[in-house]
Amino acid sequence: MEQQRSLEAIFQAFNNLKVLVVGDVMIDSYLWGKSTRISPEAPVPIVNVVKREKRLGGAANVALNVQAMGATPLLCSVIGDDQDGADYLRLMEERALPTTGIVQSPERVTTIKHRIIAGAQQLLRVDSEIEHNLTEYEERHLEERFVQLLAKADVVIFEDYDKGVFSEENIQRFLQLANERGVPSVIDPKKKNFLSYVGCTLFKPNLKELKEGLKVDFADENLPAFEDAVEELQERLQVKQVLVTLSERGVFVADGEEKTYIGAHRRAISDVSGAGDTVISIAALCMALRTSLPFMAGLSNLGGGLVCEQVGVVPIDKTRLLEEAHQVRLFETYEHRIA
């Protein structure tokens, strides 16, 4: 019973946290329809529209996952001063997300991903985006918002989608500011800035990103080569704590020389979109509470698997996650603590 109360206590403690999420935001647009025939104009399916929907994506979906876990997200990013930007701000307001950290710029377009889905099958995706670095004006205003929100934050998530918000220079400035204030930094990287996060607290790539970022290649099952790559990453980024997601093989977490593999749970997978957003959100909350890394990895692994059972990018269900954490006896498997 003590373990059950402790698990409940951690989930309750999530409600008191403030999480700064900085990075690339976007809109996930969905056109849902039915397809029963092929077009006579080209060998493509005809989709009869049933429903249209727009959702917050990218770093904004991370913020929604933070919110779904009971914590308060503080979102910081740059969007376009365009119609999609207006839609983005409206979507934030509808989800009760504060917009004070959002910079609008007439020199950018708001990133939007249009997905066309028939039944449970995604047929096509059309993207509108700009990937070049921020202008001096955008950089200055982004840093001002970051500094304001960092003063309130218990942990900061760097959510990098290679859409231009991050550069090597502002990554180092933001990390320095976080380190000076003792705020742990949790990184969800992409290829372009992969090795720029020197001095972060926790680095979370997936296996593909790890290989691309270090320019190494090995069979997924080659664990010695994989662990060598993680050690190289730890040295190059001067980071002890690394969490690597391994798709259907679960997750791996390293804390210095300590290594833990956690297997995936059997799922009816519908869509892997957004699973990484859920993993980084839960990991950041656990970092803020200073739980053990194996517990953090195990809970993040559970959450990432749960959202894969849903079609489209959706935030985690906290109640269901708590139920599953009890079912798999997470606390009986991994040592845990709240500092």
Protein backbone atom coordinates (compact mmCIF):
# COMPACT_ATOMS: atom_id res chain seq x y z
CA MET A 1 0.00 0.00 0.00
CA GLU A 2 2.92 2.35 0.69
CA GLN A 3 4.09 1.93 -2.92
CA GLN A 4 0.60 2.69 -4.21
CA ARG A 5 0.44 5.87 -2.11
CA SER A 6 3.88 6.86 -3.41
CA LEU A 7 2.81 6.38 -7.01
CA GLU A 8 -0.30 8.43 -6.36
CA ALA A 9 1.85 11.07 -4.68
CA ILE A 10 4.07 11.48 -7.74
CA PHE A 11 1.07 11.85 -10.04
CA GLN A 12 -0.37 14.38 -7.60
CA ALA A 13 2.95 16.25 -7.47
CA PHE A 14 2.86 16.69 -11.25
CA ASN A 15 -0.02 19.13 -10.69
CA ASN A 16 2.27 21.61 -8.94
CA LEU A 17 4.91 21.82 -11.67
CA LYS A 18 5.49 24.53 -14.30
CA VAL A 19 7.20 23.34 -17.48
CA LEU A 20 8.79 25.70 -20.00
CA VAL A 21 8.57 24.23 -23.50
CA VAL A 22 10.68 26.07 -26.08
CA GLY A 23 10.96 25.03 -29.72
CA ASP A 24 9.22 24.57 -33.05
CA VAL A 25 5.43 24.69 -32.95
CA MET A 26 3.01 23.76 -35.72
CA ILE A 27 -0.55 22.95 -36.62
CA ASP A 28 -1.53 19.37 -37.39
CA SER A 29 -4.39 19.55 -39.88
CA TYR A 30 -6.55 16.51 -40.64
CA LEU A 31 -8.99 15.80 -43.42
CA TRP A 32 -10.90 12.64 -42.56
CA GLY A 33 -12.85 10.90 -45.28
CA LYS A 34 -13.93 7.72 -47.03
CA SER A 35 -12.30 6.25 -50.10
CA THR A 36 -14.03 3.63 -52.22
CA ARG A 37 -12.70 4.27 -55.72
CA ILE A 38 -9.70 5.40 -57.77
CA SER A 39 -9.65 8.69 -59.65
CA PRO A 40 -10.03 8.45 -63.46
CA GLU A 41 -7.58 11.37 -63.75
CA ALA A 42 -4.61 9.66 -62.05
CA PRO A 43 -3.92 6.41 -60.11
CA VAL A 44 -4.83 7.98 -56.76
CA PRO A 45 -7.75 7.35 -54.39
CA ILE A 46 -10.71 9.72 -54.29
CA VAL A 47 -11.49 10.80 -50.71
CA ASN A 48 -14.96 12.03 -49.84
CA VAL A 49 -14.61 14.48 -46.93
CA VAL A 50 -16.34 13.55 -43.68
CA LYS A 51 -14.59 15.85 -41.19
CA ARG A 52 -11.85 18.49 -40.98
CA GLU A 53 -9.86 19.20 -37.86
CA LYS A 54 -6.86 21.28 -36.75
CA ARG A 55 -4.78 20.43 -33.69
CA LEU A 56 -1.74 21.91 -31.98
CA GLY A 57 1.45 20.07 -32.96
CA GLY A 58 5.19 20.01 -32.46
CA ALA A 59 6.28 21.72 -29.25
CA ALA A 60 2.64 22.69 -28.73
CA ASN A 61 1.67 19.02 -28.55
CA VAL A 62 4.37 18.59 -25.90
CA ALA A 63 2.70 21.43 -23.99
CA LEU A 64 -0.65 19.64 -24.30
CA ASN A 65 0.89 16.46 -22.90
CA VAL A 66 2.34 18.44 -20.00
CA GLN A 67 -1.11 19.93 -19.41
CA ALA A 68 -2.77 16.50 -19.65
CA MET A 69 -0.44 15.27 -16.90
CA GLY A 70 -1.74 18.05 -14.64
CA ALA A 71 1.24 20.42 -14.85
CA THR A 72 1.24 23.99 -16.20
CA PRO A 73 2.95 24.39 -19.61
CA LEU A 74 4.71 27.65 -20.53
CA LEU A 75 5.17 27.62 -24.31
CA CYS A 76 7.82 29.72 -26.06
CA SER A 77 8.18 29.86 -29.85
CA VAL A 78 7.99 31.90 -33.07
CA ILE A 79 5.13 31.67 -35.59
CA GLY A 80 4.10 33.59 -38.68
CA ASP A 81 1.91 36.67 -38.67
CA ASP A 82 -0.50 34.94 -41.05
CA GLN A 83 -3.87 33.19 -41.09
CA ASP A 84 -2.37 29.92 -39.88
CA GLY A 85 -0.72 31.89 -37.07
CA ALA A 86 -4.10 33.32 -36.10
CA ASP A 87 -5.54 29.79 -36.15
CA TYR A 88 -2.66 28.60 -34.01
CA LEU A 89 -3.27 31.27 -31.34
CA ARG A 90 -6.99 30.48 -31.39
CA LEU A 91 -6.23 26.78 -30.85
CA MET A 92 -3.99 27.69 -27.90
CA GLU A 93 -6.72 29.80 -26.34
CA GLU A 94 -9.26 27.01 -26.85
CA ARG A 95 -6.97 24.65 -24.93
CA ALA A 96 -6.35 27.23 -22.17
CA LEU A 97 -2.65 27.53 -23.04
CA PRO A 98 -1.08 30.95 -22.29
CA THR A 99 0.15 32.75 -25.42
CA THR A 100 2.56 35.20 -23.73
CA GLY A 101 5.61 33.23 -24.89
CA ILE A 102 4.65 33.24 -28.57
CA VAL A 103 6.40 35.67 -30.96
CA GLN A 104 4.62 36.48 -34.23
CA SER A 105 6.77 37.52 -37.18
CA PRO A 106 5.73 38.75 -40.64
CA GLU A 107 8.91 37.18 -42.05
CA ARG A 108 7.90 33.57 -41.30
CA VAL A 109 5.03 31.28 -42.17
CA THR A 110 3.37 29.20 -39.49
CA THR A 111 4.26 25.54 -39.95
CA ILE A 112 1.24 23.40 -40.81
CA LYS A 113 1.04 19.73 -41.76
CA HIS A 114 -2.06 18.69 -43.69
CA ARG A 115 -2.87 14.97 -43.39
CA ILE A 116 -5.48 13.23 -45.54
CA ILE A 117 -6.84 10.11 -43.85
CA ALA A 118 -9.31 7.52 -45.17
CA GLY A 119 -10.51 5.16 -42.47
CA ALA A 120 -7.44 4.56 -40.31
CA GLN A 121 -4.99 4.95 -43.22
CA GLN A 122 -3.02 8.13 -43.88
CA LEU A 123 -2.91 8.63 -47.65
CA LEU A 124 -1.02 11.90 -48.03
CA ARG A 125 0.67 14.70 -46.08
CA VAL A 126 1.20 18.23 -47.41
CA ASP A 127 3.50 20.58 -45.44
CA SER A 128 3.87 24.37 -45.40
CA GLU A 129 6.92 25.60 -43.50
CA ILE A 130 10.12 27.65 -43.35
CA GLU A 131 13.29 26.04 -41.99
CA HIS A 132 15.81 28.90 -42.08
CA ASN A 133 17.17 30.40 -38.85
CA LEU A 134 15.45 33.24 -37.01
CA THR A 135 16.18 36.86 -37.85
CA GLU A 136 17.88 39.13 -35.31
CA TYR A 137 14.47 40.62 -34.43
CA GLU A 138 12.93 37.17 -33.90
CA GLU A 139 15.93 35.98 -31.86
CA ARG A 140 15.80 39.00 -29.56
CA HIS A 141 12.08 38.70 -28.85
CA LEU A 142 12.26 34.92 -28.40
CA GLU A 143 15.03 35.28 -25.80
CA GLU A 144 13.06 37.95 -23.95
CA ARG A 145 10.06 35.62 -23.69
CA PHE A 146 12.31 32.69 -22.72
CA VAL A 147 13.93 34.63 -19.85
CA GLN A 148 10.53 35.77 -18.53
CA LEU A 149 9.11 32.25 -18.50
CA LEU A 150 12.27 30.54 -17.24
CA ALA A 151 11.93 32.46 -13.96
CA LYS A 152 8.69 30.51 -13.30
CA ALA A 153 9.79 27.07 -14.55
CA ASP A 154 10.69 23.88 -12.67
CA VAL A 155 12.11 22.26 -15.83
CA VAL A 156 12.64 23.30 -19.46
CA ILE A 157 12.04 21.14 -22.54
CA PHE A 158 13.91 21.93 -25.78
CA GLU A 159 11.63 20.60 -28.53
CA ASP A 160 13.58 20.70 -31.81
CA TYR A 161 11.87 19.86 -35.11
CA ASP A 162 14.49 21.49 -37.39
CA LYS A 163 12.05 24.26 -38.36
CA GLY A 164 14.43 27.13 -37.59
CA VAL A 165 13.62 28.22 -34.03
CA PHE A 166 16.87 26.73 -32.70
CA SER A 167 20.43 27.54 -33.70
CA GLU A 168 23.71 26.52 -32.09
CA GLU A 169 24.00 30.03 -30.66
CA ASN A 170 20.60 30.36 -29.00
CA ILE A 171 20.71 26.75 -27.75
CA GLN A 172 23.89 27.53 -25.82
CA ARG A 173 22.48 30.83 -24.50
CA PHE A 174 19.26 29.17 -23.33
CA LEU A 175 21.12 26.25 -21.73
CA GLN A 176 23.45 28.62 -19.92
CA LEU A 177 20.49 30.59 -18.57
CA ALA A 178 18.79 27.39 -17.39
CA ASN A 179 21.96 26.05 -15.77
CA GLU A 180 22.61 29.35 -13.99
CA ARG A 181 19.13 29.16 -12.46
CA GLY A 182 19.41 25.47 -11.58
CA VAL A 183 16.54 24.52 -13.90
CA PRO A 184 17.03 21.02 -15.43
CA SER A 185 16.98 20.90 -19.24
CA VAL A 186 15.47 18.01 -21.20
CA ILE A 187 16.26 17.76 -24.91
CA ASP A 188 14.22 16.25 -27.75
CA PRO A 189 16.70 16.68 -30.63
CA LYS A 190 16.72 16.58 -34.41
CA LYS A 191 19.60 16.14 -36.83
CA LYS A 192 20.66 19.73 -37.57
CA ASN A 193 21.48 20.81 -33.99
CA PHE A 194 22.06 17.33 -32.58
CA LEU A 195 25.48 18.02 -31.03
CA SER A 196 24.76 21.62 -29.96
CA TYR A 197 23.18 20.74 -26.59
CA VAL A 198 26.43 20.61 -24.62
CA GLY A 199 25.82 20.77 -20.88
CA CYS A 200 22.13 19.76 -20.89
CA THR A 201 20.63 17.63 -18.10
CA LEU A 202 18.87 14.86 -20.07
CA PHE A 203 19.20 14.09 -23.79
CA LYS A 204 16.44 12.03 -25.45
CA PRO A 205 16.99 10.91 -29.06
CA ASN A 206 15.40 7.95 -30.75
CA LEU A 207 17.66 5.27 -32.25
CA LYS A 208 17.52 6.70 -35.76
CA GLU A 209 18.40 10.19 -34.51
CA LEU A 210 21.28 8.76 -32.45
CA LYS A 211 22.79 7.10 -35.53
CA GLU A 212 22.30 10.13 -37.77
CA GLY A 213 23.48 12.62 -35.19
CA LEU A 214 26.73 10.76 -34.51
CA LYS A 215 27.12 9.60 -38.13
CA VAL A 216 27.43 5.96 -37.09
CA ASP A 217 25.69 2.84 -38.33
CA PHE A 218 25.11 -0.56 -36.76
CA ALA A 219 22.41 -3.22 -36.65
CA ASP A 220 19.63 -2.33 -34.23
CA GLU A 221 20.28 -5.58 -32.36
CA ASN A 222 24.00 -4.84 -31.89
CA LEU A 223 23.85 -3.74 -28.26
CA PRO A 224 27.62 -3.27 -27.72
CA ALA A 225 27.79 -0.89 -30.70
CA PHE A 226 24.67 0.90 -29.47
CA GLU A 227 26.09 1.35 -25.97
CA ASP A 228 29.38 2.60 -27.44
CA ALA A 229 27.39 5.22 -29.36
CA VAL A 230 25.61 6.31 -26.17
CA GLU A 231 28.96 6.64 -24.38
CA GLU A 232 30.30 8.76 -27.25
CA LEU A 233 27.19 10.94 -27.01
CA GLN A 234 27.67 11.37 -23.25
CA GLU A 235 31.27 12.47 -23.80
CA ARG A 236 30.56 14.87 -26.67
CA LEU A 237 27.61 16.55 -24.96
CA GLN A 238 29.09 16.37 -21.46
CA VAL A 239 25.82 14.84 -20.27
CA LYS A 240 25.43 11.90 -17.86
CA GLN A 241 21.76 11.16 -18.42
CA VAL A 242 20.58 9.84 -21.79
CA LEU A 243 17.21 8.31 -22.70
CA VAL A 244 16.94 6.55 -26.07
CA THR A 245 13.60 5.34 -27.44
CA LEU A 246 13.90 2.05 -29.34
CA SER A 247 10.44 1.79 -31.01
CA GLU A 248 8.98 -1.69 -30.55
CA ARG A 249 11.96 -2.69 -28.37
CA GLY A 250 11.15 -0.18 -25.64
CA VAL A 251 13.59 2.37 -24.17
CA PHE A 252 17.15 2.56 -22.85
CA VAL A 253 18.37 4.91 -20.14
CA ALA A 254 21.93 5.65 -19.07
CA ASP A 255 22.96 7.54 -15.94
CA GLY A 256 26.73 7.82 -16.17
CA GLU A 257 27.86 4.19 -16.43
CA GLU A 258 24.54 2.80 -15.16
CA LYS A 259 22.48 1.29 -17.98
CA THR A 260 18.87 0.07 -17.97
CA TYR A 261 16.82 -1.50 -20.80
CA ILE A 262 13.04 -1.41 -20.47
CA GLY A 263 11.01 -3.50 -22.90
CA ALA A 264 7.93 -2.29 -24.77
CA HIS A 265 4.45 -3.41 -23.74
CA ARG A 266 2.17 -5.24 -26.16
CA ARG A 267 -0.04 -2.70 -27.98
CA ALA A 268 -2.56 -2.47 -30.80
CA ILE A 269 -0.60 0.21 -32.67
CA SER A 270 -2.70 2.64 -34.71
CA ASP A 271 -0.37 5.63 -35.19
CA VAL A 272 3.08 6.44 -33.77
CA SER A 273 2.63 10.19 -34.40
CA GLY A 274 3.26 12.20 -31.25
CA ALA A 275 4.62 9.32 -29.17
CA GLY A 276 7.96 11.09 -28.76
CA ASP A 277 6.14 14.21 -27.54
CA THR A 278 4.49 12.17 -24.80
CA VAL A 279 7.76 10.51 -23.80
CA ILE A 280 9.64 13.82 -23.45
CA SER A 281 6.76 15.40 -21.49
CA ILE A 282 6.63 12.62 -18.89
CA ALA A 283 10.43 12.46 -18.70
CA ALA A 284 10.62 16.20 -17.99
CA LEU A 285 8.04 15.99 -15.21
CA CYS A 286 9.94 13.14 -13.59
CA MET A 287 13.20 15.10 -13.92
CA ALA A 288 11.60 18.04 -12.13
CA LEU A 289 10.61 15.72 -9.25
CA ARG A 290 13.99 13.97 -9.32
CA THR A 291 12.56 10.48 -9.55
CA SER A 292 15.01 7.72 -10.41
CA LEU A 293 15.94 7.52 -14.10
CA PRO A 294 14.69 3.91 -14.52
CA PHE A 295 11.29 4.95 -13.11
CA MET A 296 11.25 7.99 -15.41
CA ALA A 297 12.09 5.78 -18.39
CA GLY A 298 9.49 3.18 -17.45
CA LEU A 299 6.70 5.72 -17.03
CA SER A 300 7.67 7.53 -20.25
CA ASN A 301 7.73 4.21 -22.08
CA LEU A 302 4.21 3.41 -20.86
CA GLY A 303 2.91 6.82 -21.94
CA GLY A 304 4.49 6.68 -25.39
CA GLY A 305 2.92 3.28 -25.99
CA LEU A 306 -0.52 4.41 -24.88
CA VAL A 307 -0.76 7.30 -27.37
CA CYS A 308 0.23 4.93 -30.20
CA GLU A 309 -3.15 3.24 -29.76
CA GLN A 310 -4.88 6.43 -30.96
CA VAL A 311 -5.12 7.72 -34.55
CA GLY A 312 -3.46 11.10 -35.02
CA VAL A 313 -1.46 13.24 -32.62
CA VAL A 314 -3.20 13.20 -29.23
CA PRO A 315 -2.03 13.94 -25.66
CA ILE A 316 -1.74 11.28 -22.98
CA ASP A 317 -4.62 10.18 -20.74
CA LYS A 318 -3.25 10.65 -17.21
CA THR A 319 -5.84 8.41 -15.53
CA ARG A 320 -5.15 5.53 -17.88
CA LEU A 321 -1.39 5.98 -17.48
CA LEU A 322 -1.75 5.78 -13.70
CA GLU A 323 -3.82 2.60 -14.03
CA GLU A 324 -1.19 0.99 -16.27
CA ALA A 325 1.63 2.05 -13.95
CA HIS A 326 -0.18 0.15 -11.19
CA GLN A 327 -0.82 -2.85 -13.44
CA VAL A 328 2.82 -3.30 -14.42
CA ARG A 329 3.91 -2.68 -10.81
CA LEU A 330 6.30 0.05 -11.90
CA PHE A 331 7.36 0.91 -8.35
CA GLU A 332 8.06 -2.70 -7.47
CA THR A 333 10.36 -2.95 -10.48
CA TYR A 334 12.30 0.33 -10.26
CA GLU A 335 13.64 2.25 -7.30
CA HIS A 336 12.02 5.65 -6.95
CA ARG A 337 12.20 8.75 -4.83
CA ILE A 338 11.07 12.36 -4.61
CA ALA A 339 13.85 14.70 -3.48
